Amino acid sequence: MNHLTIVTPQSQRKARFRRVDSVGFTLIELMIAMTVFLVIGGAAMSLFRQHAALFNDQQYQIGLNVSLRNALSQMEADVVNAGTGWYSVANISSWPVGVTIINNNAGGATCHPTGTSTYNAACFDTLNIVTPDPNTPPGQVYVAPGTVSCASPALTTSGTMLMSAVAPATAAQLISGTAAGGGFTSGSQVVFIHVGTSGTQMTTAILSANAVASGANVSITYGATAANGTNSSTANDALNLTTNVDTTITPSPLTDSFCSGTDWVVKLAPVQYSVSTTLDPTGPTLVRTESGTTNAVASQIIGFKVGASTVVLNGSTVSTSSAAYCFSSASTTSPCYDNQYDEVRSIRISLIGRTPPGVYSNSNAYNPAVFTNTFDGQTYKIQALSIIVNPRNLSMND
């Protein structure tokens, strides 16, 4: 049986209204949804806030670790070649002095005031890597009439000396160098080297004027040494090669007397590692200085110590190197070397770094106490790394 449905305008309107009423949320449903969203969102933000501090801690510590490793790698690359490249004309590759170390006391109020994040220059050691200038050939000591002789030696106590060039080097290259920046110029530190039957002896000085031609030779002027080859101040020996050396050792590693036609004058181009407390006002910075140019190596360094292991202890030759590392170059107690830098065969470099001070809040939400480290009681994290380096040519000498 068929049914006939009659559609009227009123029934059409009712159907349309029913369809509209069945779409979307009611106001009560929307309020409930928003409340649930706010609760979940608040919990998520609370978790994020807790983990953000932990994430920042980890990022700073990773950055610090990478910075320390890069700094030690750069120092290793420099130190491993210490004592290399001397006497390019005389075909002698190595020299007993490759590094000098200036040790400071790492503790005390002058270094680090208790209860502060301040570290002063007195906290840190200085490492000098003694290398010849590759752009300046060495000069040979000249005493008229130029014969090979020690009968009338040239004395560094005079403050002046004549040098001769040895082919293929020329006198002009001694004055101006083989490349830009070379030459025996004012302010350069030079090493005078005597090669005798009992070994090598030396002294050093800083030039007070540019080298000048003197006939076929070259004349240099410098701060005069003492009669035993020592220098009275760092003004004449910035690398501390002779200032504290024990000259009572026999034979003395120092001398002021150099022979004509056999001994040498070598210009240095040293590399120095030290910590600057003025370069960055917010933290000490490990810097590398070469040829008057200083570059930052690592920031936030609060510890830089350099120790040495030796092959000769206080002038008495031994068959093997000492196993311990001395961190006081002025000490005469074994295994220290009493500033006898020709005895150094291996060095240990230690760095301590910190994350930037003042950026940490405690990442542990269940511990309201502010984080402090056990090293100096401050609110930053610290890391320490060390490396032992054997300068290639110095180690091979024994």
Protein backbone atom coordinates (compact mmCIF):
# COMPACT_ATOMS: atom_id res chain seq x y z
CA MET A 1 0.00 0.00 0.00
CA ASN A 2 1.48 3.32 -0.98
CA HIS A 3 1.59 6.25 1.43
CA LEU A 4 1.48 9.77 0.30
CA THR A 5 3.58 12.25 2.26
CA ILE A 6 2.43 15.79 2.09
CA VAL A 7 5.24 18.35 2.49
CA THR A 8 4.18 21.71 3.73
CA PRO A 9 6.30 24.85 4.26
CA GLN A 10 6.02 24.42 8.01
CA SER A 11 7.42 20.85 7.92
CA GLN A 12 10.33 22.00 5.74
CA ARG A 13 11.29 24.69 8.27
CA LYS A 14 11.18 22.21 11.19
CA ALA A 15 13.47 19.76 9.39
CA ARG A 16 15.93 22.50 8.57
CA PHE A 17 16.01 23.65 12.20
CA ARG A 18 16.59 20.09 13.38
CA ARG A 19 19.64 19.77 11.10
CA VAL A 20 21.14 23.07 12.35
CA ASP A 21 20.60 22.17 15.99
CA SER A 22 22.56 18.90 15.55
CA VAL A 23 25.83 20.63 14.31
CA GLY A 24 28.77 21.96 16.59
CA PHE A 25 29.26 22.31 20.37
CA THR A 26 27.04 23.84 22.86
CA LEU A 27 28.41 26.59 25.09
CA ILE A 28 28.75 24.17 27.99
CA GLU A 29 30.66 21.68 25.85
CA LEU A 30 33.02 24.45 24.65
CA MET A 31 33.74 25.60 28.20
CA ILE A 32 34.50 22.02 29.27
CA ALA A 33 36.85 21.55 26.30
CA MET A 34 38.69 24.79 27.06
CA THR A 35 39.09 23.81 30.70
CA VAL A 36 40.57 20.44 29.73
CA PHE A 37 42.91 22.13 27.22
CA LEU A 38 44.13 24.62 29.81
CA VAL A 39 44.83 21.86 32.33
CA ILE A 40 46.78 19.77 29.79
CA GLY A 41 48.57 22.83 28.38
CA GLY A 42 49.57 24.01 31.85
CA ALA A 43 50.98 20.61 32.70
CA ALA A 44 52.92 20.55 29.40
CA MET A 45 54.35 24.04 30.01
CA SER A 46 55.37 23.04 33.54
CA LEU A 47 57.25 20.03 32.16
CA PHE A 48 58.85 22.17 29.44
CA ARG A 49 59.98 24.75 31.98
CA GLN A 50 61.59 22.07 34.11
CA HIS A 51 63.37 20.45 31.17
CA ALA A 52 64.42 23.76 29.55
CA ALA A 53 66.82 24.43 32.43
CA LEU A 54 68.22 20.91 32.15
CA PHE A 55 68.58 21.30 28.37
CA ASN A 56 70.45 24.61 28.82
CA ASP A 57 72.72 22.98 31.42
CA GLN A 58 73.57 20.19 29.01
CA GLN A 59 74.17 22.56 26.10
CA TYR A 60 76.53 24.75 28.14
CA GLN A 61 78.44 21.72 29.41
CA ILE A 62 78.75 20.24 25.92
CA GLY A 63 80.00 23.58 24.61
CA LEU A 64 82.50 23.81 27.45
CA ASN A 65 83.81 20.29 26.79
CA VAL A 66 84.25 21.01 23.08
CA SER A 67 85.98 24.30 23.86
CA LEU A 68 88.48 22.65 26.23
CA ARG A 69 89.21 19.83 23.80
CA ASN A 70 89.79 22.25 20.93
CA ALA A 71 92.10 24.37 23.06
CA LEU A 72 94.19 21.35 24.12
CA SER A 73 94.36 20.12 20.52
CA GLN A 74 95.68 23.48 19.35
CA MET A 75 98.29 23.58 22.11
CA GLU A 76 99.32 20.01 21.32
CA ALA A 77 99.87 20.91 17.65
CA ASP A 78 102.15 23.78 18.68
CA VAL A 79 104.04 22.00 21.46
CA VAL A 80 104.75 18.81 19.51
CA ASN A 81 106.98 20.85 17.16
CA ALA A 82 108.82 22.70 19.93
CA GLY A 83 112.57 22.73 19.37
CA THR A 84 112.14 22.21 15.62
CA GLY A 85 113.38 24.22 12.67
CA TRP A 86 116.62 25.70 14.02
CA TYR A 87 119.72 26.29 11.93
CA SER A 88 118.05 26.11 8.53
CA VAL A 89 121.37 27.08 7.00
CA ALA A 90 123.55 24.82 9.16
CA ASN A 91 121.37 21.74 8.56
CA ILE A 92 120.75 21.16 12.28
CA SER A 93 117.06 20.57 12.94
CA SER A 94 116.59 20.64 16.70
CA TRP A 95 117.63 22.60 19.77
CA PRO A 96 117.48 21.56 23.44
CA VAL A 97 115.20 24.45 24.43
CA GLY A 98 111.67 24.04 23.11
CA VAL A 99 109.44 25.42 25.84
CA THR A 100 109.69 27.68 28.86
CA ILE A 101 107.14 27.64 31.66
CA ILE A 102 106.24 30.38 34.10
CA ASN A 103 104.38 28.83 37.03
CA ASN A 104 102.14 30.79 39.40
CA ASN A 105 100.45 29.74 42.62
CA ALA A 106 96.90 28.77 41.73
CA GLY A 107 95.52 29.50 45.19
CA GLY A 108 95.25 32.36 47.63
CA ALA A 109 93.32 35.61 47.82
CA THR A 110 95.44 37.28 45.13
CA CYS A 111 94.36 34.52 42.74
CA HIS A 112 90.72 33.91 43.62
CA PRO A 113 88.91 35.91 46.32
CA THR A 114 86.90 33.46 48.41
CA GLY A 115 83.18 33.39 47.71
CA THR A 116 83.42 35.14 44.33
CA SER A 117 83.51 34.11 40.68
CA THR A 118 86.54 36.34 40.05
CA TYR A 119 89.86 34.85 38.91
CA ASN A 120 92.92 37.10 38.62
CA ALA A 121 96.02 36.82 36.44
CA ALA A 122 97.98 35.44 39.41
CA CYS A 123 96.02 32.19 39.10
CA PHE A 124 97.46 31.07 35.79
CA ASP A 125 100.67 29.71 34.29
CA THR A 126 102.26 30.86 31.05
CA LEU A 127 103.58 28.50 28.36
CA ASN A 128 106.11 29.78 25.84
CA ILE A 129 106.85 27.67 22.78
CA VAL A 130 110.29 28.73 21.56
CA THR A 131 110.50 28.59 17.78
CA PRO A 132 112.72 30.34 15.22
CA ASP A 133 111.26 32.85 12.80
CA PRO A 134 110.81 30.98 9.49
CA ASN A 135 111.00 34.28 7.58
CA THR A 136 114.43 35.26 8.93
CA PRO A 137 117.58 33.20 8.25
CA PRO A 138 120.04 32.89 11.16
CA GLY A 139 123.15 35.02 11.20
CA GLN A 140 126.62 33.69 11.96
CA VAL A 141 128.69 35.49 14.59
CA TYR A 142 131.39 37.62 12.93
CA VAL A 143 134.59 38.94 14.49
CA ALA A 144 137.07 40.68 12.20
CA PRO A 145 138.86 39.52 10.14
CA GLY A 146 136.21 36.80 9.90
CA THR A 147 138.34 33.74 10.52
CA VAL A 148 136.86 30.79 12.41
CA SER A 149 138.21 31.36 15.90
CA CYS A 150 137.34 31.69 19.59
CA ALA A 151 140.53 33.64 20.38
CA SER A 152 138.61 36.94 20.38
CA PRO A 153 134.98 36.04 21.02
CA ALA A 154 132.06 38.40 20.60
CA LEU A 155 130.58 39.27 23.99
CA THR A 156 126.86 39.85 24.55
CA THR A 157 127.76 42.19 27.43
CA SER A 158 128.70 44.80 24.81
CA GLY A 159 125.14 45.30 23.53
CA THR A 160 126.20 45.10 19.88
CA MET A 161 127.31 42.29 17.57
CA LEU A 162 128.21 41.73 13.95
CA MET A 163 126.68 38.88 11.93
CA SER A 164 127.50 37.48 8.54
CA ALA A 165 125.07 35.79 6.19
CA VAL A 166 125.71 32.20 5.14
CA ALA A 167 124.74 31.27 1.57
CA PRO A 168 122.14 30.95 0.26
CA ALA A 169 121.01 33.62 2.75
CA THR A 170 122.07 37.21 2.12
CA ALA A 171 122.80 40.18 4.36
CA ALA A 172 119.69 41.88 2.97
CA GLN A 173 117.58 38.95 4.17
CA LEU A 174 119.02 39.27 7.67
CA ILE A 175 117.86 42.89 7.67
CA SER A 176 114.50 42.56 5.90
CA GLY A 177 113.68 38.86 6.01
CA THR A 178 112.64 36.49 3.26
CA ALA A 179 108.97 37.45 3.58
CA ALA A 180 106.86 40.22 5.07
CA GLY A 181 107.38 40.46 8.80
CA GLY A 182 110.85 38.90 8.80
CA GLY A 183 114.25 40.37 9.58
CA PHE A 184 116.16 41.30 12.74
CA THR A 185 113.88 44.19 13.70
CA SER A 186 113.56 46.30 16.83
CA GLY A 187 111.70 44.50 19.61
CA SER A 188 112.57 41.01 18.33
CA GLN A 189 113.93 38.46 20.78
CA VAL A 190 117.02 36.63 19.57
CA VAL A 191 118.98 33.65 20.84
CA PHE A 192 122.78 33.51 20.70
CA ILE A 193 123.93 29.89 20.39
CA HIS A 194 127.42 28.53 21.08
CA VAL A 195 128.15 24.99 19.97
CA GLY A 196 131.14 23.71 21.96
CA THR A 197 132.80 20.42 22.71
CA SER A 198 130.88 20.09 25.99
CA GLY A 199 127.51 20.84 24.42
CA THR A 200 125.49 23.89 23.54
CA GLN A 201 125.38 27.12 25.51
CA MET A 202 123.22 30.16 24.93
CA THR A 203 121.88 33.49 25.99
CA THR A 204 119.17 35.77 24.70
CA ALA A 205 118.38 39.45 24.23
CA ILE A 206 115.78 41.77 22.76
CA LEU A 207 116.83 44.05 19.91
CA SER A 208 116.59 47.76 20.64
CA ALA A 209 116.92 48.84 16.99
CA ASN A 210 116.57 47.42 13.49
CA ALA A 211 119.56 45.55 12.11
CA VAL A 212 121.69 47.66 9.72
CA ALA A 213 124.33 46.92 7.12
CA SER A 214 127.94 47.21 8.23
CA GLY A 215 130.09 46.68 5.18
CA ALA A 216 129.38 43.14 3.96
CA ASN A 217 127.99 42.21 7.37
CA VAL A 218 125.02 43.15 9.55
CA SER A 219 125.11 44.91 12.91
CA ILE A 220 122.53 44.37 15.66
CA THR A 221 121.95 46.36 18.87
CA TYR A 222 120.26 44.85 21.92
CA GLY A 223 119.91 44.98 25.69
CA ALA A 224 123.26 43.79 27.06
CA THR A 225 123.41 40.60 29.15
CA ALA A 226 125.27 40.02 32.38
CA ALA A 227 128.76 38.52 32.27
CA ASN A 228 127.41 35.01 32.93
CA GLY A 229 124.83 35.23 30.15
CA THR A 230 121.84 35.96 32.38
CA ASN A 231 119.42 38.83 31.93
CA SER A 232 118.45 41.02 34.82
CA SER A 233 114.80 41.43 33.87
CA THR A 234 112.07 40.28 31.51
CA ALA A 235 112.63 43.52 29.59
CA ASN A 236 115.64 41.74 28.05
CA ASP A 237 114.18 38.22 28.16
CA ALA A 238 110.42 38.10 27.67
CA LEU A 239 110.49 34.30 27.32
CA ASN A 240 112.28 33.73 30.64
CA LEU A 241 115.02 31.73 28.92
CA THR A 242 117.81 32.96 31.20
CA THR A 243 116.28 35.04 33.99
CA ASN A 244 116.14 32.26 36.62
CA VAL A 245 118.53 29.67 35.19
CA ASP A 246 120.97 28.12 37.67
CA THR A 247 124.42 29.07 36.36
CA THR A 248 126.28 27.02 39.00
CA ILE A 249 125.69 23.88 36.95
CA THR A 250 128.84 22.65 35.19
CA PRO A 251 128.98 23.30 32.34
CA SER A 252 126.63 26.24 32.64
CA PRO A 253 123.84 26.27 30.03
CA LEU A 254 124.47 29.99 29.63
CA THR A 255 127.38 32.01 28.31
CA ASP A 256 128.13 35.55 27.14
CA SER A 257 130.97 34.48 24.81
CA PHE A 258 130.42 33.49 21.16
CA CYS A 259 132.92 32.40 18.56
CA SER A 260 133.47 33.85 15.11
CA GLY A 261 132.43 31.69 12.16
CA THR A 262 130.85 28.86 14.20
CA ASP A 263 128.18 30.31 16.48
CA TRP A 264 124.75 31.63 15.59
CA VAL A 265 122.21 34.36 16.18
CA VAL A 266 118.61 33.22 15.63
CA LYS A 267 115.53 35.42 15.60
CA LEU A 268 112.58 33.92 17.49
CA ALA A 269 108.89 33.85 16.58
CA PRO A 270 107.56 32.37 19.82
CA VAL A 271 104.03 31.22 20.54
CA GLN A 272 102.74 32.09 23.98
CA TYR A 273 99.70 30.67 25.75
CA SER A 274 98.40 32.60 28.73
CA VAL A 275 95.11 33.59 30.34
CA SER A 276 93.86 37.15 29.95
CA THR A 277 91.61 38.57 32.66
CA THR A 278 91.04 41.82 30.75
CA LEU A 279 90.11 40.65 27.25
CA ASP A 280 86.65 39.53 28.43
CA PRO A 281 85.33 41.39 31.50
CA THR A 282 82.91 38.53 32.28
CA GLY A 283 85.49 35.76 32.44
CA PRO A 284 89.17 34.77 31.98
CA THR A 285 90.13 33.88 28.41
CA LEU A 286 92.89 31.53 27.24
CA VAL A 287 94.78 33.39 24.51
CA ARG A 288 97.45 32.52 21.95
CA THR A 289 99.97 35.22 21.04
CA GLU A 290 102.26 34.97 18.01
CA SER A 291 104.24 37.75 16.34
CA GLY A 292 102.41 40.37 18.38
CA THR A 293 98.95 39.10 17.43
CA THR A 294 96.72 37.78 20.22
CA ASN A 295 93.75 35.51 19.52
CA ALA A 296 91.21 34.07 21.94
CA VAL A 297 91.34 30.26 22.20
CA ALA A 298 88.79 29.44 24.93
CA SER A 299 86.67 31.53 27.29
CA GLN A 300 85.67 31.00 30.92
CA ILE A 301 88.99 29.36 31.85
CA ILE A 302 89.53 29.29 35.63
CA GLY A 303 92.54 26.96 35.71
CA PHE A 304 95.65 26.72 33.47
CA LYS A 305 98.59 24.73 34.85
CA VAL A 306 101.67 23.47 33.02
CA GLY A 307 104.08 20.92 34.47
CA ALA A 308 107.25 19.41 33.06
CA SER A 309 109.01 16.07 33.15
CA THR A 310 112.77 16.11 32.63
CA VAL A 311 115.60 13.93 31.45
CA VAL A 312 118.28 15.66 33.57
CA LEU A 313 117.65 16.49 37.23
CA ASN A 314 119.56 19.44 38.67
CA GLY A 315 122.55 18.93 36.41
CA SER A 316 123.02 15.22 37.08
CA THR A 317 122.49 13.14 33.96
CA VAL A 318 120.18 10.16 34.31
CA SER A 319 119.46 7.40 31.84
CA THR A 320 115.69 7.83 31.77
CA SER A 321 113.23 10.66 32.05
CA SER A 322 111.46 11.32 35.32
CA ALA A 323 107.97 9.88 35.56
CA ALA A 324 106.50 12.73 37.62
CA TYR A 325 105.56 16.21 36.42
CA CYS A 326 106.76 19.25 38.32
CA PHE A 327 104.49 22.29 38.48
CA SER A 328 107.06 24.65 39.97
CA SER A 329 109.80 25.61 37.55
CA ALA A 330 111.75 27.45 40.25
CA SER A 331 112.02 24.39 42.52
CA THR A 332 115.25 22.40 42.88
CA THR A 333 113.51 19.40 44.42
CA SER A 334 113.43 16.33 42.18
CA PRO A 335 111.78 15.94 39.70
CA CYS A 336 111.83 19.72 39.23
CA TYR A 337 114.31 21.27 36.83
CA ASP A 338 115.06 24.67 38.39
CA ASN A 339 114.41 26.59 35.16
CA GLN A 340 116.88 24.44 33.22
CA TYR A 341 114.68 24.39 30.14
CA ASP A 342 117.08 22.29 28.09
CA GLU A 343 116.15 19.43 30.46
CA VAL A 344 112.42 19.48 29.64
CA ARG A 345 111.33 16.50 27.55
CA SER A 346 107.60 16.25 28.24
CA ILE A 347 104.92 18.63 29.53
CA ARG A 348 101.48 18.19 31.04
CA ILE A 349 98.86 20.86 30.33
CA SER A 350 95.75 21.06 32.51
CA LEU A 351 92.71 23.25 31.83
CA ILE A 352 89.71 23.95 34.05
CA GLY A 353 86.75 25.69 32.49
CA ARG A 354 83.37 26.84 33.71
CA THR A 355 79.99 27.47 32.17
CA PRO A 356 79.00 31.17 32.09
CA PRO A 357 78.36 32.36 35.66
CA GLY A 358 74.94 33.59 36.66
CA VAL A 359 72.87 31.71 34.06
CA TYR A 360 71.82 28.69 36.08
CA SER A 361 68.79 28.02 38.18
CA ASN A 362 68.37 24.62 39.71
CA SER A 363 66.93 22.28 37.08
CA ASN A 364 65.65 19.94 39.81
CA ALA A 365 62.13 21.16 40.62
CA TYR A 366 62.03 18.97 43.72
CA ASN A 367 65.08 20.62 45.27
CA PRO A 368 64.55 24.32 45.96
CA ALA A 369 68.22 24.89 46.91
CA VAL A 370 70.28 26.82 44.34
CA PHE A 371 72.97 24.71 42.64
CA THR A 372 76.60 25.32 43.69
CA ASN A 373 79.66 23.36 42.57
CA THR A 374 82.17 21.81 44.97
CA PHE A 375 85.21 23.47 43.31
CA ASP A 376 84.67 27.07 44.38
CA GLY A 377 81.09 27.04 45.68
CA GLN A 378 79.68 29.07 42.78
CA THR A 379 76.53 28.55 40.71
CA TYR A 380 78.21 27.39 37.50
CA LYS A 381 79.32 23.95 36.32
CA ILE A 382 83.01 23.14 35.83
CA GLN A 383 85.04 20.66 33.77
CA ALA A 384 88.74 19.78 33.76
CA LEU A 385 90.85 18.16 31.03
CA SER A 386 94.56 17.38 30.81
CA ILE A 387 96.96 16.30 28.09
CA ILE A 388 100.59 15.13 28.05
CA VAL A 389 102.70 16.22 25.09
CA ASN A 390 106.17 15.06 24.11
CA PRO A 391 107.88 17.66 21.89
CA ARG A 392 109.02 15.52 18.99
CA ASN A 393 112.63 16.61 18.57
CA LEU A 394 113.33 17.13 22.26
CA SER A 395 112.14 13.63 23.14
CA MET A 396 114.17 12.09 20.32
CA ASN A 397 117.39 13.73 21.55
CA ASP A 398 117.76 11.13 24.33
